[in-house]
Protein backbone atom coordinates (compact mmCIF):
# COMPACT_ATOMS: atom_id res chain seq x y z
CA MET A 1 18.54 -176.46 -117.07
CA ALA A 2 14.84 -175.53 -116.32
CA ALA A 3 12.57 -177.85 -114.35
CA HIS A 4 9.86 -179.52 -116.15
CA PRO A 5 6.55 -177.81 -115.57
CA VAL A 6 5.40 -180.91 -113.52
CA ASP A 7 8.15 -180.28 -111.06
CA GLU A 8 7.90 -176.42 -111.04
CA LYS A 9 7.25 -174.70 -107.60
CA LEU A 10 5.09 -171.61 -108.10
CA PRO A 11 4.82 -168.49 -105.84
CA ALA A 12 2.85 -169.23 -102.50
CA LEU A 13 -0.34 -167.22 -103.40
CA LYS A 14 -0.56 -168.87 -106.83
CA MET A 15 0.07 -172.40 -105.36
CA ALA A 16 -2.66 -171.78 -102.69
CA THR A 17 -5.43 -170.41 -105.13
CA THR A 18 -4.68 -173.03 -107.77
CA GLY A 19 -4.47 -175.73 -105.19
CA LEU A 20 -7.90 -174.60 -103.76
CA GLN A 21 -9.29 -174.63 -107.20
CA HIS A 22 -8.55 -178.38 -107.40
CA VAL A 23 -10.20 -178.97 -104.08
CA ALA A 24 -13.32 -177.15 -105.25
CA ALA A 25 -13.41 -179.37 -108.40
CA MET A 26 -13.34 -182.60 -106.59
CA TYR A 27 -15.09 -181.90 -103.30
CA ALA A 28 -18.51 -183.07 -104.27
CA GLY A 29 -16.93 -186.35 -105.57
CA VAL A 30 -15.15 -186.99 -102.31
CA VAL A 31 -18.10 -186.26 -99.94
CA ALA A 32 -20.79 -188.10 -101.99
CA PRO A 33 -19.70 -191.64 -101.06
CA PRO A 34 -19.51 -191.19 -97.42
CA LEU A 35 -22.85 -189.39 -97.36
CA ILE A 36 -24.57 -192.27 -99.24
CA VAL A 37 -23.01 -195.04 -97.30
CA GLY A 38 -23.49 -193.22 -94.00
CA ALA A 39 -27.23 -192.67 -94.84
CA ALA A 40 -27.65 -196.21 -95.73
CA ILE A 41 -26.25 -197.31 -92.27
CA GLY A 42 -28.31 -194.70 -90.54
CA LEU A 43 -25.58 -192.67 -89.02
CA THR A 44 -26.49 -189.54 -86.97
CA GLY A 45 -25.70 -186.13 -88.39
CA THR A 46 -22.58 -185.84 -86.15
CA GLU A 47 -21.40 -189.27 -87.15
CA LEU A 48 -22.07 -188.38 -90.83
CA THR A 49 -19.96 -185.20 -90.51
CA PHE A 50 -17.06 -187.17 -88.86
CA LEU A 51 -17.16 -189.87 -91.60
CA THR A 52 -17.05 -187.15 -94.32
CA GLY A 53 -14.19 -185.23 -92.58
CA ALA A 54 -12.21 -188.44 -92.38
CA CYS A 55 -12.62 -189.11 -96.14
CA LEU A 56 -11.41 -185.64 -96.82
CA PHE A 57 -8.50 -186.10 -94.50
CA THR A 58 -7.44 -189.48 -96.11
CA ALA A 59 -7.96 -188.06 -99.52
CA GLY A 60 -5.34 -185.41 -98.69
CA LEU A 61 -2.94 -188.13 -97.40
CA ALA A 62 -3.43 -190.22 -100.60
CA THR A 63 -2.78 -187.08 -102.65
CA PHE A 64 0.47 -186.39 -100.96
CA LEU A 65 1.53 -189.99 -101.68
CA GLN A 66 0.67 -189.63 -105.40
CA THR A 67 2.12 -186.09 -106.06
CA LEU A 68 5.24 -186.00 -103.67
CA GLY A 69 5.91 -189.70 -103.34
CA ILE A 70 8.18 -191.83 -101.25
CA TRP A 71 10.64 -194.51 -102.63
CA LYS A 72 8.86 -196.18 -105.53
CA ILE A 73 5.41 -195.03 -104.46
CA GLY A 74 3.69 -192.14 -106.26
CA ALA A 75 3.45 -191.19 -109.88
CA ARG A 76 4.72 -187.66 -109.09
CA LEU A 77 2.14 -186.17 -111.43
CA PRO A 78 -0.50 -183.63 -110.66
CA PHE A 79 -3.04 -186.14 -109.50
CA VAL A 80 -5.70 -185.60 -106.94
CA ASN A 81 -6.73 -188.64 -104.94
CA GLY A 82 -10.03 -189.27 -103.24
CA VAL A 83 -12.70 -191.76 -102.56
CA THR A 84 -13.62 -193.84 -105.65
CA PHE A 85 -17.33 -193.82 -106.52
CA ALA A 86 -16.95 -197.41 -107.92
CA GLY A 87 -17.07 -198.70 -104.43
CA VAL A 88 -20.30 -197.17 -103.52
CA ALA A 89 -22.61 -199.86 -104.78
CA PRO A 90 -20.65 -202.77 -103.30
CA MET A 91 -20.35 -200.92 -99.99
CA THR A 92 -24.25 -200.29 -99.77
CA ALA A 93 -24.81 -203.88 -100.69
CA ILE A 94 -22.49 -204.91 -97.75
CA VAL A 95 -24.53 -202.57 -95.48
CA ALA A 96 -27.76 -204.24 -96.69
CA SER A 97 -26.42 -207.79 -95.99
CA THR A 98 -25.29 -206.86 -92.53
CA ASP A 99 -27.84 -207.55 -89.81
CA ASP A 100 -26.17 -205.40 -87.17
CA LYS A 101 -25.51 -202.07 -88.84
CA SER A 102 -22.83 -201.11 -86.33
CA ASP A 103 -20.79 -203.74 -87.95
CA ALA A 104 -21.15 -202.44 -91.45
CA LEU A 105 -18.37 -199.98 -91.42
CA PRO A 106 -15.79 -202.42 -89.73
CA ILE A 107 -16.56 -204.94 -92.33
CA ILE A 108 -16.12 -202.54 -95.27
CA PHE A 109 -12.90 -201.12 -93.48
CA GLY A 110 -11.53 -204.68 -93.29
CA ALA A 111 -12.42 -205.35 -96.97
CA VAL A 112 -10.75 -202.09 -98.14
CA ILE A 113 -7.52 -202.83 -96.16
CA VAL A 114 -7.15 -206.36 -97.84
CA ALA A 115 -8.05 -205.18 -101.24
CA GLY A 116 -5.58 -202.28 -100.89
CA LEU A 117 -2.71 -204.65 -99.88
CA LEU A 118 -3.33 -207.00 -102.60
CA GLY A 119 -3.53 -204.21 -105.11
CA PHE A 120 -0.21 -202.77 -103.71
CA LEU A 121 1.47 -206.29 -104.43
CA ALA A 122 -0.14 -206.55 -107.88
CA ALA A 123 0.88 -202.97 -108.97
CA PRO A 124 4.08 -203.88 -110.68
CA PHE A 125 2.46 -206.66 -112.71
CA PHE A 126 -0.60 -204.54 -113.55
CA SER A 127 1.58 -201.73 -114.88
CA LYS A 128 3.11 -204.02 -117.55
CA ALA A 129 -0.27 -203.50 -119.45
CA ILE A 130 1.30 -200.09 -120.67
CA ARG A 131 2.26 -201.65 -123.99
CA PHE A 132 -1.34 -202.22 -124.69
CA PHE A 133 -2.18 -198.70 -124.55
CA PRO A 134 -1.01 -197.04 -127.82
CA PRO A 135 -2.41 -193.57 -128.59
CA VAL A 136 -5.53 -195.01 -130.27
CA VAL A 137 -6.37 -196.61 -127.04
CA THR A 138 -5.37 -193.86 -124.66
CA GLY A 139 -7.16 -191.25 -126.87
CA THR A 140 -10.38 -193.33 -126.77
CA VAL A 141 -10.02 -193.76 -122.94
CA ILE A 142 -9.36 -190.00 -122.30
CA THR A 143 -12.35 -189.19 -124.44
CA LEU A 144 -14.49 -191.62 -122.59
CA ILE A 145 -13.45 -190.14 -119.28
CA GLY A 146 -14.44 -186.74 -120.19
CA VAL A 147 -17.80 -187.90 -121.75
CA SER A 148 -18.57 -190.17 -118.72
CA LEU A 149 -18.05 -187.16 -116.34
CA LEU A 150 -20.23 -184.70 -118.26
CA PRO A 151 -23.43 -186.37 -116.81
CA VAL A 152 -22.14 -185.64 -113.30
CA ALA A 153 -21.85 -181.96 -114.23
CA PHE A 154 -25.34 -182.04 -115.67
CA GLY A 155 -26.69 -183.66 -112.63
CA TRP A 156 -24.99 -181.00 -110.41
CA ALA A 157 -26.58 -178.19 -112.65
CA GLN A 158 -30.10 -179.45 -111.79
CA GLY A 159 -29.43 -179.38 -108.08
CA PRO A 160 -28.33 -181.48 -105.12
CA ASN A 161 -31.36 -183.61 -104.58
CA PRO A 162 -33.34 -185.39 -107.44
CA ALA A 163 -36.30 -185.77 -105.29
CA ALA A 164 -36.55 -181.98 -104.53
CA HIS A 165 -39.26 -179.94 -106.11
CA ASP A 166 -36.70 -177.42 -107.57
CA TYR A 167 -34.53 -180.08 -109.10
CA GLY A 168 -33.84 -179.01 -112.68
CA SER A 169 -35.76 -175.76 -112.10
CA ALA A 170 -34.98 -172.65 -114.33
CA THR A 171 -33.25 -171.01 -111.28
CA ASN A 172 -30.77 -173.82 -110.93
CA LEU A 173 -30.05 -174.12 -114.74
CA THR A 174 -29.73 -170.25 -114.91
CA LEU A 175 -27.15 -170.25 -112.08
CA ALA A 176 -25.21 -173.09 -113.79
CA GLY A 177 -25.39 -171.19 -117.01
CA ILE A 178 -24.19 -167.84 -115.43
CA THR A 179 -21.22 -169.69 -113.83
CA LEU A 180 -20.37 -171.27 -117.20
CA VAL A 181 -20.41 -167.75 -118.75
CA VAL A 182 -18.30 -166.17 -116.05
CA VAL A 183 -15.71 -168.91 -116.54
CA LEU A 184 -15.64 -168.41 -120.28
CA LEU A 185 -15.53 -164.63 -120.11
CA LEU A 186 -12.60 -164.91 -117.71
CA ARG A 187 -10.81 -167.39 -119.93
CA ARG A 188 -11.35 -165.05 -122.98
CA PHE A 189 -10.77 -161.70 -121.69
CA THR A 190 -8.09 -162.08 -118.78
CA ARG A 191 -4.59 -163.04 -118.86
CA GLY A 192 -1.95 -164.53 -116.61
CA PHE A 193 -2.89 -165.56 -113.09
CA VAL A 194 -6.60 -164.46 -113.21
CA LYS A 195 -7.03 -166.59 -116.38
CA GLN A 196 -5.63 -169.58 -114.76
CA ILE A 197 -7.93 -169.54 -111.69
CA ALA A 198 -11.04 -168.58 -113.80
CA VAL A 199 -12.70 -171.70 -112.42
CA LEU A 200 -12.24 -170.73 -108.71
CA LEU A 201 -13.36 -167.19 -109.53
CA GLY A 202 -16.38 -168.56 -111.37
CA LEU A 203 -17.30 -170.62 -108.41
CA ILE A 204 -17.05 -167.67 -106.08
CA ALA A 205 -19.04 -165.43 -108.45
CA GLY A 206 -21.77 -168.10 -108.96
CA THR A 207 -22.00 -168.64 -105.15
CA LEU A 208 -22.37 -164.88 -104.55
CA ILE A 209 -24.97 -164.53 -107.37
CA ALA A 210 -26.94 -167.52 -105.86
CA ILE A 211 -27.42 -165.78 -102.47
CA PRO A 212 -30.50 -163.65 -103.56
CA PHE A 213 -32.08 -166.85 -104.99
CA GLY A 214 -31.92 -168.50 -101.66
CA VAL A 215 -29.80 -171.43 -103.14
CA THR A 216 -26.64 -170.71 -101.07
CA ASP A 217 -26.88 -172.52 -97.71
CA PHE A 218 -24.55 -171.34 -95.06
CA SER A 219 -25.74 -173.53 -92.33
CA PRO A 220 -22.87 -176.03 -92.78
CA VAL A 221 -20.52 -173.24 -91.47
CA GLY A 222 -22.58 -172.49 -88.39
CA ASP A 223 -22.99 -176.21 -87.52
CA ALA A 224 -19.36 -177.20 -88.00
CA ASP A 225 -16.75 -177.61 -85.23
CA ILE A 226 -13.59 -175.60 -85.42
CA VAL A 227 -11.31 -178.51 -84.64
CA GLY A 228 -11.82 -182.24 -85.27
CA PHE A 229 -9.52 -185.33 -85.74
CA PRO A 230 -10.51 -188.62 -87.38
CA THR A 231 -9.78 -190.86 -84.39
CA PRO A 232 -8.29 -194.18 -85.62
CA PHE A 233 -10.96 -196.91 -85.86
CA HIS A 234 -13.68 -194.61 -84.51
CA PHE A 235 -16.35 -196.95 -85.70
CA GLY A 236 -14.65 -200.07 -84.33
CA ALA A 237 -11.73 -202.46 -85.22
CA PRO A 238 -11.88 -203.81 -88.82
CA GLN A 239 -13.63 -207.13 -89.47
CA PHE A 240 -12.67 -209.44 -92.34
CA GLN A 241 -15.38 -211.10 -94.12
CA LEU A 242 -14.70 -213.03 -97.38
CA ALA A 243 -17.74 -211.97 -99.45
CA ALA A 244 -17.01 -208.30 -98.68
CA ILE A 245 -13.32 -208.71 -99.39
CA LEU A 246 -13.96 -210.39 -102.83
CA SER A 247 -16.41 -207.64 -103.64
CA LEU A 248 -14.00 -204.87 -103.04
CA CYS A 249 -11.14 -206.68 -104.74
CA VAL A 250 -13.16 -206.47 -107.79
CA VAL A 251 -13.63 -202.71 -107.27
CA MET A 252 -9.82 -202.39 -106.76
CA VAL A 253 -9.20 -204.01 -110.20
CA VAL A 254 -11.73 -201.58 -111.70
CA SER A 255 -10.01 -198.69 -109.84
CA MET A 256 -6.62 -199.72 -110.98
CA THR A 257 -7.76 -199.96 -114.64
CA GLU A 258 -9.25 -196.41 -114.45
CA SER A 259 -6.29 -195.03 -112.61
CA THR A 260 -3.95 -196.49 -115.29
CA ALA A 261 -6.08 -194.73 -118.03
CA ASP A 262 -6.07 -191.50 -115.95
CA MET A 263 -2.31 -191.54 -115.73
CA LEU A 264 -1.78 -192.13 -119.43
CA ALA A 265 -4.20 -189.27 -120.06
CA LEU A 266 -2.52 -186.90 -117.57
CA GLY A 267 0.88 -187.98 -118.93
CA GLU A 268 -0.23 -186.81 -122.38
CA ILE A 269 -1.67 -183.51 -121.14
CA VAL A 270 1.39 -182.54 -119.02
CA GLU A 271 3.72 -183.79 -121.74
CA ARG A 272 5.43 -186.35 -119.49
CA PRO A 273 4.22 -189.63 -120.88
CA ALA A 274 3.50 -192.19 -118.13
CA ASP A 275 5.70 -195.24 -118.64
CA GLU A 276 5.64 -198.55 -116.94
CA LYS A 277 7.64 -197.41 -113.90
CA THR A 278 5.39 -194.36 -113.53
CA ILE A 279 2.24 -196.41 -113.71
CA ALA A 280 3.58 -198.92 -111.21
CA ALA A 281 4.56 -196.11 -108.64
CA GLY A 282 1.15 -194.45 -109.23
CA LEU A 283 -0.82 -197.70 -108.64
CA ARG A 284 1.17 -198.33 -105.55
CA ALA A 285 0.14 -194.85 -104.23
CA ASP A 286 -3.52 -195.56 -104.93
CA THR A 287 -3.45 -199.08 -103.30
CA LEU A 288 -1.37 -198.02 -100.27
CA GLY A 289 -3.49 -195.00 -99.82
CA SER A 290 -6.62 -197.25 -99.87
CA ALA A 291 -4.97 -199.66 -97.45
CA LEU A 292 -4.14 -197.03 -94.90
CA SER A 293 -7.45 -195.08 -95.32
CA PRO A 294 -9.66 -197.27 -93.03
CA LEU A 295 -7.17 -196.52 -90.20
CA PHE A 296 -8.57 -192.96 -90.23
CA ASN A 297 -12.13 -194.24 -91.07
CA GLY A 298 -11.80 -193.49 -94.80
CA PHE A 299 -12.75 -195.58 -97.94
CA MET A 300 -10.89 -196.82 -101.03
CA CYS A 301 -8.92 -194.08 -102.81
CA SER A 302 -8.15 -193.48 -106.45
CA ALA A 303 -7.14 -190.82 -108.96
CA PHE A 304 -9.86 -188.22 -109.68
CA ALA A 305 -10.45 -187.81 -113.43
CA GLN A 306 -12.29 -184.59 -113.05
CA ASN A 307 -9.04 -182.74 -111.98
CA ILE A 308 -7.36 -183.79 -115.18
CA GLY A 309 -9.77 -181.55 -116.90
CA LEU A 310 -8.54 -178.58 -114.63
CA VAL A 311 -4.99 -179.38 -115.60
CA ALA A 312 -5.91 -179.52 -119.26
CA MET A 313 -7.72 -176.17 -119.11
CA THR A 314 -5.33 -174.11 -116.89
CA ARG A 315 -2.18 -175.57 -118.27
CA ILE A 316 -0.79 -175.42 -114.67
CA ARG A 317 0.99 -178.67 -114.57
CA SER A 318 2.85 -178.40 -111.27
CA ARG A 319 2.44 -181.54 -108.98
CA PHE A 320 3.12 -179.21 -106.09
CA VAL A 321 -0.01 -177.15 -106.82
CA VAL A 322 -1.92 -180.47 -106.38
CA ALA A 323 0.08 -181.31 -103.30
CA THR A 324 -1.03 -177.98 -101.78
CA GLY A 325 -4.61 -179.10 -102.56
CA GLY A 326 -3.90 -182.25 -100.69
CA ALA A 327 -2.85 -179.95 -97.71
CA PHE A 328 -6.20 -178.09 -97.94
CA LEU A 329 -7.91 -181.64 -97.86
CA VAL A 330 -6.01 -182.63 -94.68
CA LEU A 331 -6.89 -179.21 -93.12
CA MET A 332 -10.54 -179.77 -93.87
CA GLY A 333 -10.36 -183.09 -92.35
CA LEU A 334 -8.86 -181.55 -89.23
CA CYS A 335 -10.97 -178.38 -89.30
CA PRO A 336 -14.62 -179.09 -90.18
CA VAL A 337 -15.36 -175.34 -90.52
CA ALA A 338 -12.81 -175.09 -93.33
CA ALA A 339 -14.49 -178.09 -95.02
CA SER A 340 -17.92 -176.36 -94.81
CA LEU A 341 -16.73 -173.41 -96.69
CA ILE A 342 -16.43 -175.43 -99.83
CA ALA A 343 -19.83 -177.08 -98.99
CA VAL A 344 -21.37 -173.72 -99.31
CA VAL A 345 -20.97 -173.58 -103.04
CA PRO A 346 -24.30 -174.63 -104.63
CA ARG A 347 -24.45 -177.66 -106.70
CA PRO A 348 -25.72 -175.89 -109.70
CA VAL A 349 -22.76 -173.65 -109.57
CA LEU A 350 -20.45 -176.65 -109.46
CA GLY A 351 -22.27 -178.02 -112.53
CA GLY A 352 -21.60 -174.88 -114.53
CA ALA A 353 -17.86 -175.07 -113.82
CA GLY A 354 -17.99 -178.88 -114.44
CA VAL A 355 -19.14 -178.59 -118.08
CA VAL A 356 -15.73 -176.62 -118.73
CA LEU A 357 -13.60 -179.06 -116.80
CA PHE A 358 -15.05 -182.26 -118.05
CA GLY A 359 -15.41 -181.17 -121.61
CA SER A 360 -11.70 -180.17 -121.39
CA VAL A 361 -10.92 -183.77 -120.69
CA ALA A 362 -12.89 -185.05 -123.72
CA ALA A 363 -11.21 -182.46 -125.86
CA SER A 364 -7.91 -183.71 -124.79
CA GLY A 365 -8.82 -187.22 -125.80
CA ILE A 366 -9.86 -185.98 -129.29
CA GLN A 367 -6.52 -184.26 -129.65
CA THR A 368 -4.73 -187.60 -128.80
CA LEU A 369 -6.88 -189.49 -131.32
CA VAL A 370 -5.97 -187.00 -134.01
CA ARG A 371 -2.32 -188.06 -133.47
CA ALA A 372 -3.15 -191.71 -133.30
CA GLY A 373 -3.63 -192.13 -137.08
CA LEU A 374 -7.39 -192.11 -137.77
CA ASP A 375 -6.57 -192.26 -141.44
CA ARG A 376 -6.12 -196.08 -140.88
CA ASP A 377 -9.34 -197.94 -141.02
CA ASN A 378 -8.41 -200.35 -138.24
CA ASN A 379 -8.05 -197.46 -135.93
CA VAL A 380 -11.40 -196.02 -137.06
CA LEU A 381 -13.11 -199.28 -136.11
CA ILE A 382 -11.27 -199.44 -132.84
CA VAL A 383 -12.46 -195.92 -131.74
CA ALA A 384 -15.98 -196.37 -133.00
CA VAL A 385 -16.79 -199.64 -131.25
CA SER A 386 -14.92 -198.73 -128.04
CA LEU A 387 -16.71 -195.38 -127.76
CA ALA A 388 -20.09 -197.04 -128.37
CA VAL A 389 -19.52 -199.68 -125.66
CA GLY A 390 -18.12 -197.02 -123.21
CA ILE A 391 -21.14 -194.75 -123.82
CA ILE A 392 -23.64 -197.59 -123.02
CA PRO A 393 -23.68 -197.09 -119.24
CA ILE A 394 -24.17 -193.30 -119.77
CA THR A 395 -27.08 -193.41 -122.27
CA GLU A 396 -28.79 -196.59 -120.93
CA PRO A 397 -27.87 -197.01 -117.21
CA ASP A 398 -30.09 -200.13 -116.90
CA PHE A 399 -28.62 -201.86 -119.87
CA TYR A 400 -26.89 -204.51 -117.83
CA HIS A 401 -29.63 -204.86 -115.23
CA ALA A 402 -29.83 -208.67 -115.86
CA PHE A 403 -26.27 -209.36 -115.05
CA PRO A 404 -24.90 -210.46 -111.57
CA GLU A 405 -24.00 -207.55 -109.19
CA THR A 406 -20.33 -208.52 -109.35
CA ALA A 407 -20.20 -208.14 -113.10
CA LYS A 408 -22.14 -204.84 -112.99
CA ILE A 409 -19.38 -203.26 -111.06
CA VAL A 410 -17.24 -203.56 -114.10
CA LEU A 411 -19.94 -203.20 -116.78
CA ASP A 412 -21.43 -200.06 -115.34
CA SER A 413 -18.35 -198.15 -115.72
CA GLY A 414 -18.12 -196.83 -119.19
CA ILE A 415 -14.33 -195.99 -118.69
CA SER A 416 -13.50 -199.64 -117.83
CA THR A 417 -15.65 -201.34 -120.42
CA GLY A 418 -14.37 -198.88 -123.17
CA CYS A 419 -10.85 -199.30 -122.01
CA VAL A 420 -11.09 -203.18 -122.15
CA MET A 421 -12.80 -203.04 -125.56
CA ALA A 422 -10.18 -200.67 -127.01
CA VAL A 423 -7.26 -202.88 -125.73
CA LEU A 424 -8.94 -206.04 -127.08
CA LEU A 425 -9.69 -204.44 -130.47
CA ASN A 426 -6.23 -203.01 -130.78
CA LEU A 427 -4.80 -206.49 -130.28
CA VAL A 428 -6.99 -208.01 -132.90
CA PHE A 429 -6.62 -205.44 -135.54
CA ASN A 430 -3.08 -204.09 -135.06
CA HIS A 431 -1.08 -206.98 -133.45
CA ILE A 432 -2.68 -210.50 -134.30
CA GLY A 433 -1.78 -211.32 -137.97
CA LYS A 434 0.15 -208.23 -138.52
CA GLY A 435 0.77 -209.38 -142.15
CA ARG A 436 -2.33 -207.60 -143.33
CA GLU A 437 -1.24 -203.97 -143.56
CA ALA A 438 -3.71 -201.13 -142.54
CA HIS A 439 -4.25 -200.07 -146.17
CA ASP A 440 -5.46 -203.48 -147.00
CA VAL A 441 -8.59 -202.89 -144.95
CA THR A 442 -11.44 -200.88 -146.35
CA HIS A 443 -13.15 -198.10 -144.64
CA PRO A 444 -16.12 -199.52 -142.62
CA MET A 445 -18.61 -197.57 -144.79
CA GLU A 446 -17.12 -198.51 -148.15
CA ALA A 447 -17.25 -201.52 -150.42
CA GLY A 448 -14.41 -204.01 -150.40
CA GLU A 449 -13.25 -203.99 -154.04
CA GLU A 450 -10.26 -201.99 -153.14
CA ILE A 451 -8.72 -205.16 -151.38
CA ALA A 452 -8.73 -207.00 -154.69
CA ALA A 453 -7.25 -204.17 -156.44
CA VAL A 454 -4.26 -203.84 -154.04
CA HIS A 455 -3.64 -207.52 -154.40
């Protein structure tokens, strides 16, 4: 009996190139949090490079846990794990409230360890929420994941620094457009292996095209060391402060909610639906990876939604491909020169490829919604309101500015708010008072006389 595509082992060259493609898709997301937090602390360039390498290294270890798995740990799906961006705001708040900045990272690391361990213990209970995620909910969440990621691609397309004079320049947008066109042409006119690595080839082509424009910066390669190791507790032994722990426990709940949605999304895409057991194992990998990450000076880890788009587009569903990507991440953590090669890719080039990747996630969500039964008016309302609520943080980032910082951790995540809204509305419309059949409810834009007619 042939192995499921998720468990398929591809030839070495194909495994390496497609694994590297996953790293290229998620690299910017992994390095952004340590750069932001490190800058807030005031780390030197050498320390900042060390912190970034540590986050790459721990992302690789967490990816191994998720894809290969041990015991009841790991969803064994093609998931890339890395530093969650949900923790950036709370971590910078911890930095701001710490008088001695040298204590900031030990306090953050202590909070991440406790949040990770508590999350690990809660994983089997959290996974029981699977019954609250029918297709109408998962389709809505998958669509929101794609829509929420698209602004990231648009930001990349404009350039790395919003304060720079060339941010959003015609040059940057042209490079993004060229990369997008190259990826589309490769997907349209090539076949087989070349078609599957179209994103990687597009990134290479875009980087080469950017050289004459002076956008490609090779200085990271020249400045990087050949060998480096994230020495355990390099910034000091972890410290445990209650306020910081509570703050990152909230982030852990948000992260687990998003990871659950991501696992459901990926399960649909690879045609191996994620059941309660799979979700529990996946959440254990997320939380254990987070708890171990501070040992090597890394932050909280979670599944990366942007790589779901790559799986959806390439149709390469092997978890061993993503495990190979994890090996590249570990290598980059141990060899800063290797990490710097990915850093050479200009941000606008990443933006052009990101449009395809993240748009593919949204398209997968729409496919799921089509199968969810949108001919039922209840489901139309669930999708309509949940999408609207989930899009609020994207279209109006300051919408919740008057709320407490702790609440904003959840509210500023469109994926989390849309997911919660979809689950609640599904309970109200499809579970509570199930005596009213779906056809007894009118379309939201129609009059209500049909109800009387039915009765």
